[in-house]
C-alpha atoms as a PDB file:
ATOM      1  CA  MET A   1      59.469 109.958  80.836  1.00  0.00           C
ATOM      2  CA  GLU A   2      59.441 108.879  84.642  1.00  0.00           C
ATOM      3  CA  LYS A   3      59.589 105.327  83.630  1.00  0.00           C
ATOM      4  CA  ASN A   4      62.703 105.850  81.547  1.00  0.00           C
ATOM      5  CA  MET A   5      64.346 107.700  84.508  1.00  0.00           C
ATOM      6  CA  ASN A   6      63.560 104.788  86.947  1.00  0.00           C
ATOM      7  CA  THR A   7      64.998 102.314  84.448  1.00  0.00           C
ATOM      8  CA  ASP A   8      68.162 104.378  84.046  1.00  0.00           C
ATOM      9  CA  ILE A   9      68.641 104.647  87.830  1.00  0.00           C
ATOM     10  CA  LEU A  10      68.103 100.916  88.225  1.00  0.00           C
ATOM     11  CA  ALA A  11      70.861 100.177  85.338  1.00  0.00           C
ATOM     12  CA  ILE A  12      73.205 102.592  87.127  1.00  0.00           C
ATOM     13  CA  LYS A  13      72.763 100.546  90.506  1.00  0.00           C
ATOM     14  CA  ILE A  14      73.100  97.339  88.867  1.00  0.00           C
ATOM     15  CA  GLU A  15      76.372  98.462  87.115  1.00  0.00           C
ATOM     16  CA  ARG A  16      77.725  99.821  90.460  1.00  0.00           C
ATOM     17  CA  ASN A  17      76.762  96.505  92.188  1.00  0.00           C
ATOM     18  CA  LEU A  18      78.673  94.433  89.390  1.00  0.00           C
ATOM     19  CA  ILE A  19      81.587  96.842  89.769  1.00  0.00           C
ATOM     20  CA  ASN A  20      81.542  96.074  93.632  1.00  0.00           C
ATOM     21  CA  GLN A  21      81.386  92.465  93.010  1.00  0.00           C
ATOM     22  CA  GLN A  22      84.149  92.323  90.595  1.00  0.00           C
ATOM     23  CA  ILE A  23      86.401  94.382  93.067  1.00  0.00           C
ATOM     24  CA  ILE A  24      85.694  91.955  95.953  1.00  0.00           C
ATOM     25  CA  ALA A  25      86.515  88.954  93.801  1.00  0.00           C
ATOM     26  CA  SER A  26      89.526  90.441  92.684  1.00  0.00           C
ATOM     27  CA  ILE A  27      90.546  91.076  96.171  1.00  0.00           C
ATOM     28  CA  LEU A  28      89.673  87.520  97.191  1.00  0.00           C
ATOM     29  CA  ASP A  29      91.966  86.264  94.334  1.00  0.00           C
ATOM     30  CA  ILE A  30      94.650  88.460  95.647  1.00  0.00           C
ATOM     31  CA  SER A  31      94.282  87.080  99.095  1.00  0.00           C
ATOM     32  CA  LEU A  32      94.669  83.590  97.670  1.00  0.00           C
ATOM     33  CA  LYS A  33      98.135  84.113  96.136  1.00  0.00           C
ATOM     34  CA  PRO A  34     100.931  82.880  97.919  1.00  0.00           C
ATOM     35  CA  ILE A  35     102.688  86.394  98.354  1.00  0.00           C
ATOM     36  CA  PRO A  36     103.655  88.464 101.478  1.00  0.00           C
ATOM     37  CA  LEU A  37     100.876  90.490 103.256  1.00  0.00           C
ATOM     38  CA  ALA A  38     102.492  93.775 102.020  1.00  0.00           C
ATOM     39  CA  GLN A  39     102.304  92.772  98.447  1.00  0.00           C
ATOM     40  CA  MET A  40      98.806  91.646  98.950  1.00  0.00           C
ATOM     41  CA  LEU A  41      97.927  95.051 100.478  1.00  0.00           C
ATOM     42  CA  HIS A  42      99.738  96.906  97.691  1.00  0.00           C
ATOM     43  CA  GLU A  43      97.969  95.010  95.031  1.00  0.00           C
ATOM     44  CA  THR A  44      94.392  95.544  96.734  1.00  0.00           C
ATOM     45  CA  LEU A  45      95.108  99.210  97.106  1.00  0.00           C
ATOM     46  CA  ALA A  46      95.961  99.688  93.379  1.00  0.00           C
ATOM     47  CA  LEU A  47      92.778  97.690  92.550  1.00  0.00           C
ATOM     48  CA  VAL A  48      90.473  99.769  94.651  1.00  0.00           C
ATOM     49  CA  LEU A  49      91.979 103.245  93.570  1.00  0.00           C
ATOM     50  CA  SER A  50      91.666 102.085  89.832  1.00  0.00           C
ATOM     51  CA  SER A  51      88.035 101.321  89.923  1.00  0.00           C
ATOM     52  CA  HIS A  52      86.247 103.353  87.397  1.00  0.00           C
ATOM     53  CA  GLY A  53      83.138 103.066  89.440  1.00  0.00           C
ATOM     54  CA  LEU A  54      84.431 105.179  92.172  1.00  0.00           C
ATOM     55  CA  ALA A  55      85.264 108.973  91.898  1.00  0.00           C
ATOM     56  CA  LEU A  56      88.811 108.400  93.437  1.00  0.00           C
ATOM     57  CA  LYS A  57      92.158 109.870  92.562  1.00  0.00           C
ATOM     58  CA  SER A  58      94.874 107.414  92.129  1.00  0.00           C
ATOM     59  CA  MET A  59      96.381 108.193  95.431  1.00  0.00           C
ATOM     60  CA  GLY A  60      95.917 106.540  98.906  1.00  0.00           C
ATOM     61  CA  SER A  61      97.343 104.363 101.636  1.00  0.00           C
ATOM     62  CA  ILE A  62      96.626 101.321 103.753  1.00  0.00           C
ATOM     63  CA  PHE A  63      97.450 101.424 107.607  1.00  0.00           C
ATOM     64  CA  LEU A  64      97.457  98.509 109.955  1.00  0.00           C
ATOM     65  CA  VAL A  65      96.738  98.853 113.623  1.00  0.00           C
ATOM     66  CA  LYS A  66      99.722  98.549 115.961  1.00  0.00           C
ATOM     67  CA  GLU A  67      97.514  97.754 119.174  1.00  0.00           C
ATOM     68  CA  SER A  68     100.394  97.945 121.755  1.00  0.00           C
ATOM     69  CA  THR A  69     100.814 101.764 120.973  1.00  0.00           C
ATOM     70  CA  ARG A  70      97.389 102.500 119.593  1.00  0.00           C
ATOM     71  CA  GLU A  71      98.983 103.584 116.309  1.00  0.00           C
ATOM     72  CA  LEU A  72      98.485 103.211 112.588  1.00  0.00           C
ATOM     73  CA  THR A  73     101.517 101.936 110.560  1.00  0.00           C
ATOM     74  CA  MET A  74     101.478 102.730 106.737  1.00  0.00           C
ATOM     75  CA  VAL A  75     101.997  99.524 105.029  1.00  0.00           C
ATOM     76  CA  ALA A  76     100.835 100.205 101.530  1.00  0.00           C
ATOM     77  CA  GLN A  77     100.680 103.411  99.459  1.00  0.00           C
ATOM     78  CA  GLN A  78     100.236 104.810  95.990  1.00  0.00           C
ATOM     79  CA  GLY A  79     100.920 108.175  94.739  1.00  0.00           C
ATOM     80  CA  LEU A  80     101.637 109.850  97.990  1.00  0.00           C
ATOM     81  CA  HIS A  81     103.895 112.993  98.161  1.00  0.00           C
ATOM     82  CA  GLU A  82     107.260 112.331  99.449  1.00  0.00           C
ATOM     83  CA  HIS A  83     106.560 114.375 102.738  1.00  0.00           C
ATOM     84  CA  LEU A  84     103.596 112.138 103.645  1.00  0.00           C
ATOM     85  CA  LEU A  85     105.781 109.007 103.576  1.00  0.00           C
ATOM     86  CA  THR A  86     107.532 110.328 106.494  1.00  0.00           C
ATOM     87  CA  ALA A  87     104.898 112.218 108.270  1.00  0.00           C
ATOM     88  CA  CYS A  88     102.409 109.504 108.173  1.00  0.00           C
ATOM     89  CA  ALA A  89     104.670 106.657 108.569  1.00  0.00           C
ATOM     90  CA  THR A  90     102.902 106.074 111.838  1.00  0.00           C
ATOM     91  CA  VAL A  91      99.881 107.890 112.972  1.00  0.00           C
ATOM     92  CA  PRO A  92      98.380 107.893 116.510  1.00  0.00           C
ATOM     93  CA  PHE A  93      94.768 107.044 116.897  1.00  0.00           C
ATOM     94  CA  GLY A  94      93.028 110.505 117.016  1.00  0.00           C
ATOM     95  CA  TYR A  95      95.447 112.291 114.951  1.00  0.00           C
ATOM     96  CA  CYS A  96      94.626 113.559 111.386  1.00  0.00           C
ATOM     97  CA  LEU A  97      91.985 112.020 109.331  1.00  0.00           C
ATOM     98  CA  CYS A  98      93.104 108.502 109.307  1.00  0.00           C
ATOM     99  CA  GLY A  99      93.791 108.418 113.221  1.00  0.00           C
ATOM    100  CA  ARG A 100      90.305 109.837 113.702  1.00  0.00           C
ATOM    101  CA  ALA A 101      88.850 107.020 111.589  1.00  0.00           C
ATOM    102  CA  ALA A 102      90.815 104.450 113.825  1.00  0.00           C
ATOM    103  CA  GLU A 103      89.824 106.023 117.066  1.00  0.00           C
ATOM    104  CA  SER A 104      85.988 106.399 115.955  1.00  0.00           C
ATOM    105  CA  GLY A 105      85.789 103.216 114.050  1.00  0.00           C
ATOM    106  CA  LYS A 106      83.663 105.151 111.537  1.00  0.00           C
ATOM    107  CA  VAL A 107      84.247 106.385 108.029  1.00  0.00           C
ATOM    108  CA  VAL A 108      85.902 109.848 108.038  1.00  0.00           C
ATOM    109  CA  PHE A 109      84.998 111.898 104.982  1.00  0.00           C
ATOM    110  CA  THR A 110      86.107 115.391 103.946  1.00  0.00           C
ATOM    111  CA  ASP A 111      85.712 117.134 100.505  1.00  0.00           C
ATOM    112  CA  ARG A 112      88.699 119.455 101.039  1.00  0.00           C
ATOM    113  CA  ILE A 113      91.541 120.192 103.393  1.00  0.00           C
ATOM    114  CA  ASP A 114      90.090 121.291 106.570  1.00  0.00           C
ATOM    115  CA  HIS A 115      91.225 121.846 110.296  1.00  0.00           C
ATOM    116  CA  ARG A 116      91.113 117.851 110.667  1.00  0.00           C
ATOM    117  CA  HIS A 117      94.262 117.597 108.287  1.00  0.00           C
ATOM    118  CA  ASP A 118      96.801 117.748 111.047  1.00  0.00           C
ATOM    119  CA  VAL A 119      99.592 116.796 108.449  1.00  0.00           C
ATOM    120  CA  THR A 120     100.061 119.475 105.550  1.00  0.00           C
ATOM    121  CA  PHE A 121     103.044 120.842 103.806  1.00  0.00           C
ATOM    122  CA  PRO A 122     103.795 123.559 101.534  1.00  0.00           C
ATOM    123  CA  GLY A 123     102.453 123.129  97.951  1.00  0.00           C
ATOM    124  CA  ILE A 124      99.790 120.649  98.922  1.00  0.00           C
ATOM    125  CA  LYS A 125      97.282 120.317  96.354  1.00  0.00           C
ATOM    126  CA  PRO A 126      93.511 120.579  97.155  1.00  0.00           C
ATOM    127  CA  HIS A 127      91.723 117.253  97.641  1.00  0.00           C
ATOM    128  CA  GLY A 128      89.509 115.338 100.016  1.00  0.00           C
ATOM    129  CA  HIS A 129      89.434 111.871 101.643  1.00  0.00           C
ATOM    130  CA  TYR A 130      87.436 108.720 102.558  1.00  0.00           C
ATOM    131  CA  CYS A 131      89.272 107.196 105.445  1.00  0.00           C
ATOM    132  CA  VAL A 132      87.551 103.898 105.979  1.00  0.00           C
ATOM    133  CA  PRO A 133      88.122 101.663 109.050  1.00  0.00           C
ATOM    134  CA  ILE A 134      89.127  98.209 108.077  1.00  0.00           C
ATOM    135  CA  LYS A 135      87.520  95.779 110.534  1.00  0.00           C
ATOM    136  CA  GLY A 136      87.587  91.946 111.132  1.00  0.00           C
ATOM    137  CA  GLU A 137      85.486  89.977 113.796  1.00  0.00           C
ATOM    138  CA  GLY A 138      84.546  93.497 115.380  1.00  0.00           C
ATOM    139  CA  GLN A 139      88.120  94.532 115.821  1.00  0.00           C
ATOM    140  CA  LEU A 140      89.737  97.486 114.118  1.00  0.00           C
ATOM    141  CA  LEU A 141      92.579  96.106 111.892  1.00  0.00           C
ATOM    142  CA  GLY A 142      93.516  99.246 110.106  1.00  0.00           C
ATOM    143  CA  VAL A 143      92.284 102.191 107.878  1.00  0.00           C
ATOM    144  CA  LEU A 144      91.996 102.548 104.048  1.00  0.00           C
ATOM    145  CA  ASN A 145      92.810 106.115 103.130  1.00  0.00           C
ATOM    146  CA  MET A 146      91.513 107.300  99.671  1.00  0.00           C
ATOM    147  CA  TYR A 147      91.889 110.559  97.953  1.00  0.00           C
ATOM    148  CA  VAL A 148      89.033 112.172  96.152  1.00  0.00           C
ATOM    149  CA  PRO A 149      88.962 115.402  94.024  1.00  0.00           C
ATOM    150  CA  ALA A 150      88.418 118.676  96.074  1.00  0.00           C
ATOM    151  CA  TRP A 151      84.643 119.565  96.635  1.00  0.00           C
ATOM    152  CA  HIS A 152      83.800 115.647  95.946  1.00  0.00           C
ATOM    153  CA  GLU A 153      80.086 115.016  97.100  1.00  0.00           C
ATOM    154  CA  ARG A 154      79.689 112.161  99.378  1.00  0.00           C
ATOM    155  CA  THR A 155      77.176 109.503  98.291  1.00  0.00           C
ATOM    156  CA  ALA A 156      75.846 106.459 100.087  1.00  0.00           C
ATOM    157  CA  ASP A 157      77.782 104.331  97.411  1.00  0.00           C
END
């Protein structure tokens, strides 16, 4: 029984690794296309959010750093409420979840709307987030904001 369970766990890990490799290969393919950066980011966001290996909603955004003002600028989004398109067009470092991820340089996770959600609106639906800093050569380039169902359990994956 224990041997079967270990085999099942190994098979799940191998499958997740394969999915991750496929996503990375697809992102590399997108990056080689002769298209504008904004289009690359939209395609990359759609790819990540559609991954069946991740427990994500089909909602999220990508922000890039505007270093001169220490702000994030939303450059790609999918499925966001109209209110967020305006309220989150630019996000100062330290503000709301994405700004906190930018300021700390670390992943910010929440399984529900909490006190760190500085941007809310009437009728907002329950959800959680992974806000993941995007870094290159040790420098913060932006933040990837992904929505998860409310009460999602964070895992190492």
